[in-house]
Amino acid sequence: MTLFDSVDQHYARHRPGLPDEVVQLLATGLAGVDGPRLLDLGAGTGQVALALLPALPPAAHFDLADQDEGMLRTALDELRPHLDKRTATVHVGPAEQFTPTQPGYEADLITCCRAFHWMDRPAVLAMADRVAAPHAAVAIMGDGSLWTHEADWTAALKALIQAHLGEERRAGTTGAYREPGRRYEDDLVDSAFSDLTEHRVPFTRAWTPRGVVGYLRSTSFARPDLFPDHRRFEEQAQALLQQLAQDGVLHEDGVFTVLLARRPGTSR
């Protein structure tokens, strides 16, 4: 069993996508590549690919890698109506074990969004070095979660979760969550992709109480099977969020961070 088994529909419906500025940043790095190949690691239900599709040429190809086969099936279901002439292939397994199915494969962009902390990061970057084109960029991206976001409504929601599950942040079947032992920047600097730039993109999101409850089902810290009485928790969460919402809306103001890394001397 993988950490996010059986939550693919909640992922697809409730996980936020990429801000437009991030999409343009990544697409700009592919300018001039007629048939770009994009490798998305920890792809989940395809949020990165869905966000990038409109900015890519018709000959673009996506390789989506994830350990959860159900999520990848959902990703293909979500992508197919929008692919047009673009193509997508899924790969089930750990990111560091990604193996191209075609000889001479070279990825023009390798992305990992909200998933790098679950991975064997040095092994993933070594794999990326093997499959990346000389000019390719590696983009490690994320924006935290509603557990880490600081607002009155998220603090109250976190307290409710802790009342049911204990003070420590849960991490699904793996027990308590542990922060990465080192910064992602240090992982990248110690890899082949040591030419690093950081991009911080402010964003504002509007959530509904129902949307937040759906999002929680997709998380490692509040997935349904963690709760002795999940229905009771959701009823309490829904009531709490409706009380705290302003005109039915809960606002999240945050920063989406992109670490864009290349091999030295190869910046486009």
Protein backbone atom coordinates (compact mmCIF):
# COMPACT_ATOMS: atom_id res chain seq x y z
CA MET A 1 0.00 0.00 0.00
CA THR A 2 1.33 3.45 -0.93
CA LEU A 3 0.80 6.58 1.11
CA PHE A 4 -2.00 8.02 -1.01
CA ASP A 5 -3.88 4.86 -2.04
CA SER A 6 -7.57 5.39 -2.87
CA VAL A 7 -7.47 9.19 -2.82
CA ASP A 8 -6.99 9.81 -6.55
CA GLN A 9 -10.47 11.29 -7.12
CA HIS A 10 -10.03 13.69 -4.20
CA TYR A 11 -6.63 14.69 -5.61
CA ALA A 12 -8.02 15.35 -9.06
CA ARG A 13 -10.97 17.38 -7.81
CA HIS A 14 -9.53 19.35 -4.90
CA ARG A 15 -5.74 19.75 -5.23
CA PRO A 16 -4.82 23.24 -6.53
CA GLY A 17 -2.98 23.57 -9.82
CA LEU A 18 -0.08 25.85 -10.75
CA PRO A 19 -0.28 29.66 -10.78
CA ASP A 20 -0.20 31.14 -14.29
CA GLU A 21 3.14 32.82 -13.59
CA VAL A 22 4.71 29.46 -12.78
CA VAL A 23 3.32 27.96 -16.00
CA GLN A 24 4.85 30.79 -18.02
CA LEU A 25 8.18 30.45 -16.22
CA LEU A 26 8.42 26.77 -17.09
CA ALA A 27 7.14 27.20 -20.63
CA THR A 28 9.63 30.00 -21.34
CA GLY A 29 12.47 27.58 -20.62
CA LEU A 30 11.16 25.34 -23.41
CA ALA A 31 10.97 28.08 -26.04
CA GLY A 32 12.43 26.89 -29.32
CA VAL A 33 12.05 23.18 -28.53
CA ASP A 34 9.66 21.86 -31.19
CA GLY A 35 8.71 18.60 -29.50
CA PRO A 36 9.56 19.01 -25.83
CA ARG A 37 9.58 16.01 -23.51
CA LEU A 38 8.47 16.66 -19.96
CA LEU A 39 9.05 14.22 -17.12
CA ASP A 40 6.85 14.83 -14.06
CA LEU A 41 7.89 12.95 -10.91
CA GLY A 42 5.34 12.23 -8.19
CA ALA A 43 2.81 13.19 -10.85
CA GLY A 44 -0.28 12.27 -8.85
CA THR A 45 -3.38 12.94 -10.93
CA GLY A 46 -1.58 15.16 -13.43
CA GLN A 47 -2.01 18.70 -12.08
CA VAL A 48 1.36 19.83 -13.49
CA ALA A 49 0.70 18.39 -16.94
CA LEU A 50 -2.82 19.83 -17.04
CA ALA A 51 -1.54 23.28 -16.14
CA LEU A 52 1.25 23.21 -18.73
CA LEU A 53 -0.74 21.78 -21.65
CA PRO A 54 -2.08 25.08 -23.04
CA ALA A 55 1.44 26.59 -23.09
CA LEU A 56 3.09 23.75 -25.03
CA PRO A 57 3.34 22.98 -28.76
CA PRO A 58 1.31 20.17 -30.38
CA ALA A 59 4.29 17.78 -30.47
CA ALA A 60 4.89 17.87 -26.71
CA HIS A 61 5.09 14.60 -24.79
CA PHE A 62 4.57 13.96 -21.07
CA ASP A 63 6.02 11.13 -19.02
CA LEU A 64 4.18 10.89 -15.70
CA ALA A 65 5.85 8.87 -12.93
CA ASP A 66 4.19 7.91 -9.65
CA GLN A 67 4.04 4.93 -7.32
CA ASP A 68 0.25 4.96 -7.27
CA GLU A 69 -1.24 3.27 -10.33
CA GLY A 70 -4.73 4.54 -9.51
CA MET A 71 -3.58 8.14 -9.53
CA LEU A 72 -1.91 7.68 -12.89
CA ARG A 73 -5.06 6.14 -14.37
CA THR A 74 -6.96 9.18 -13.14
CA ALA A 75 -4.25 11.46 -14.59
CA LEU A 76 -4.75 9.93 -18.04
CA ASP A 77 -8.52 10.29 -17.72
CA GLU A 78 -8.07 13.97 -16.85
CA LEU A 79 -5.51 14.62 -19.61
CA ARG A 80 -7.01 12.80 -22.60
CA PRO A 81 -9.75 15.35 -23.41
CA HIS A 82 -7.11 18.12 -23.56
CA LEU A 83 -4.10 16.45 -25.20
CA ASP A 84 -5.08 17.08 -28.83
CA LYS A 85 -1.92 15.96 -30.71
CA ARG A 86 0.20 15.90 -27.56
CA THR A 87 0.92 12.53 -25.97
CA ALA A 88 1.35 11.16 -22.46
CA THR A 89 2.81 7.96 -21.01
CA VAL A 90 2.54 6.81 -17.39
CA HIS A 91 5.21 4.97 -15.42
CA VAL A 92 4.32 3.19 -12.17
CA GLY A 93 7.12 3.07 -9.63
CA PRO A 94 9.48 5.14 -7.48
CA ALA A 95 10.80 8.28 -9.15
CA GLU A 96 14.43 7.21 -8.85
CA GLN A 97 13.64 4.04 -10.81
CA PHE A 98 12.18 5.85 -13.83
CA THR A 99 13.49 4.18 -16.98
CA PRO A 100 12.71 5.59 -20.44
CA THR A 101 10.88 3.22 -22.75
CA GLN A 102 12.58 4.66 -25.86
CA PRO A 103 16.28 4.55 -26.77
CA GLY A 104 17.96 7.94 -26.83
CA TYR A 105 15.32 9.47 -24.56
CA GLU A 106 16.12 12.96 -23.25
CA ALA A 107 13.79 15.01 -21.07
CA ASP A 108 13.74 18.76 -21.75
CA LEU A 109 12.12 19.57 -18.39
CA ILE A 110 11.85 17.51 -15.22
CA THR A 111 9.31 18.65 -12.65
CA CYS A 112 8.44 17.57 -9.13
CA CYS A 113 5.61 19.38 -7.37
CA ARG A 114 4.72 18.94 -3.69
CA ALA A 115 6.34 15.49 -3.66
CA PHE A 116 10.13 15.81 -3.38
CA HIS A 117 10.09 15.36 0.41
CA TRP A 118 8.68 11.82 0.02
CA MET A 119 11.54 10.73 -2.27
CA ASP A 120 15.12 9.50 -2.11
CA ARG A 121 16.26 12.91 -3.29
CA PRO A 122 19.93 12.20 -4.19
CA ALA A 123 18.86 9.08 -6.12
CA VAL A 124 16.14 11.03 -7.95
CA LEU A 125 18.62 13.73 -9.01
CA ALA A 126 21.12 11.10 -10.15
CA MET A 127 18.38 9.55 -12.30
CA ALA A 128 17.52 13.00 -13.64
CA ASP A 129 21.15 13.47 -14.68
CA ARG A 130 20.97 10.23 -16.68
CA VAL A 131 17.80 11.10 -18.60
CA ALA A 132 17.90 14.91 -18.93
CA ALA A 133 18.89 16.66 -22.15
CA PRO A 134 22.03 18.82 -21.89
CA HIS A 135 19.94 22.02 -21.75
CA ALA A 136 17.23 20.62 -19.45
CA ALA A 137 16.02 22.19 -16.24
CA VAL A 138 14.86 20.48 -13.08
CA ALA A 139 12.02 22.31 -11.32
CA ILE A 140 11.32 21.44 -7.68
CA MET A 141 8.10 23.20 -6.74
CA GLY A 142 5.69 23.61 -3.88
CA ASP A 143 3.48 25.87 -1.81
CA GLY A 144 3.13 24.15 1.55
CA SER A 145 -0.26 22.87 2.65
CA LEU A 146 -3.24 23.96 4.70
CA TRP A 147 -1.46 22.38 7.69
CA THR A 148 1.40 24.89 7.39
CA HIS A 149 -0.60 27.90 6.16
CA GLU A 150 -1.00 30.56 8.85
CA ALA A 151 -4.50 31.97 9.08
CA ASP A 152 -7.22 31.97 11.72
CA TRP A 153 -9.30 29.39 9.86
CA THR A 154 -6.40 27.03 9.15
CA ALA A 155 -5.25 27.26 12.78
CA ALA A 156 -8.75 26.29 13.95
CA LEU A 157 -8.91 23.47 11.43
CA LYS A 158 -5.48 22.17 12.48
CA ALA A 159 -6.59 22.19 16.13
CA LEU A 160 -9.66 20.13 15.20
CA ILE A 161 -7.51 17.58 13.36
CA GLN A 162 -5.18 17.37 16.35
CA ALA A 163 -8.13 16.85 18.68
CA HIS A 164 -8.95 13.70 16.68
CA LEU A 165 -5.47 12.43 15.80
CA GLY A 166 -3.05 13.87 18.37
CA GLU A 167 -0.61 16.77 18.33
CA GLU A 168 1.89 15.35 15.83
CA ARG A 169 1.30 15.82 12.14
CA ARG A 170 0.38 12.43 10.73
CA ALA A 171 1.90 11.02 7.56
CA GLY A 172 -0.55 8.32 6.59
CA THR A 173 0.64 4.78 7.18
CA THR A 174 4.19 5.97 7.91
CA GLY A 175 3.31 7.46 11.31
CA ALA A 176 4.35 11.02 12.16
CA TYR A 177 5.63 13.45 9.53
CA ARG A 178 9.30 14.40 9.70
CA GLU A 179 10.73 17.49 8.07
CA PRO A 180 13.43 16.83 5.46
CA GLY A 181 16.87 16.67 7.05
CA ARG A 182 18.33 19.21 4.65
CA ARG A 183 17.14 21.92 2.30
CA TYR A 184 16.18 21.10 -1.27
CA GLU A 185 18.62 23.80 -2.34
CA ASP A 186 21.45 21.78 -0.78
CA ASP A 187 20.29 18.62 -2.55
CA LEU A 188 20.39 20.45 -5.88
CA VAL A 189 23.73 22.15 -5.31
CA ASP A 190 25.26 18.76 -4.54
CA SER A 191 23.83 17.28 -7.75
CA ALA A 192 24.64 17.74 -11.42
CA PHE A 193 22.04 20.53 -11.45
CA SER A 194 23.90 23.03 -9.29
CA ASP A 195 23.11 26.20 -11.29
CA LEU A 196 20.13 27.20 -9.17
CA THR A 197 17.64 30.05 -9.18
CA GLU A 198 14.69 30.52 -6.84
CA HIS A 199 11.40 32.02 -7.99
CA ARG A 200 8.74 33.01 -5.46
CA VAL A 201 5.26 33.61 -6.84
CA PRO A 202 2.60 35.08 -4.48
CA PHE A 203 -0.90 33.71 -4.91
CA THR A 204 -4.37 34.05 -3.43
CA ARG A 205 -6.81 31.16 -3.39
CA ALA A 206 -10.48 31.08 -2.49
CA TRP A 207 -11.72 27.88 -0.87
CA THR A 208 -15.23 26.78 -0.01
CA PRO A 209 -15.77 24.75 3.18
CA ARG A 210 -16.76 21.76 1.04
CA GLY A 211 -13.62 22.15 -1.07
CA VAL A 212 -11.40 22.20 2.01
CA VAL A 213 -13.03 19.03 3.35
CA GLY A 214 -12.45 17.34 -0.01
CA TYR A 215 -8.84 18.52 -0.07
CA LEU A 216 -8.25 17.05 3.40
CA ARG A 217 -9.24 13.61 2.12
CA SER A 218 -6.26 13.78 -0.28
CA THR A 219 -3.67 14.66 2.35
CA SER A 220 -1.28 12.47 4.32
CA PHE A 221 -2.25 14.24 7.58
CA ALA A 222 -6.05 13.97 7.38
CA ARG A 223 -6.86 11.10 5.05
CA PRO A 224 -10.09 9.29 5.98
CA ASP A 225 -8.54 6.04 7.22
CA LEU A 226 -6.62 7.85 9.97
CA PHE A 227 -9.80 8.74 11.87
CA PRO A 228 -11.65 6.45 14.27
CA ASP A 229 -14.84 8.29 13.24
CA HIS A 230 -14.16 10.12 9.98
CA ARG A 231 -17.81 11.05 9.39
CA ARG A 232 -17.95 12.85 12.73
CA PHE A 233 -14.71 14.70 11.96
CA GLU A 234 -16.01 15.87 8.59
CA GLU A 235 -19.27 17.07 10.10
CA GLN A 236 -17.33 19.08 12.70
CA ALA A 237 -14.90 20.42 10.08
CA GLN A 238 -17.72 21.48 7.77
CA ALA A 239 -19.52 23.31 10.59
CA LEU A 240 -16.32 24.99 11.75
CA LEU A 241 -15.35 26.17 8.28
CA GLN A 242 -18.83 27.48 7.52
CA GLN A 243 -18.66 29.49 10.72
CA LEU A 244 -15.25 30.98 9.82
CA ALA A 245 -15.89 31.60 6.13
CA GLN A 246 -16.62 35.14 4.96
CA ASP A 247 -19.57 35.08 2.57
CA GLY A 248 -18.91 31.37 2.13
CA VAL A 249 -15.24 31.85 1.17
CA LEU A 250 -12.02 30.97 2.98
CA HIS A 251 -8.96 32.86 1.72
CA GLU A 252 -5.45 31.47 1.44
CA ASP A 253 -2.60 33.90 0.69
CA GLY A 254 0.68 32.14 0.08
CA VAL A 255 3.83 31.83 -1.99
CA PHE A 256 4.48 29.19 -4.64
CA THR A 257 8.21 28.49 -4.76
CA VAL A 258 10.05 27.12 -7.79
CA LEU A 259 13.66 25.98 -7.53
CA LEU A 260 14.84 25.94 -11.13
CA ALA A 261 18.14 24.10 -11.54
CA ARG A 262 20.37 23.35 -14.52
CA ARG A 263 23.78 21.92 -15.15
CA PRO A 264 26.41 24.70 -14.90
CA GLY A 265 27.02 26.51 -18.16
CA THR A 266 23.84 25.33 -19.85
CA SER A 267 21.30 28.07 -18.99
CA ARG A 268 19.03 28.82 -21.92
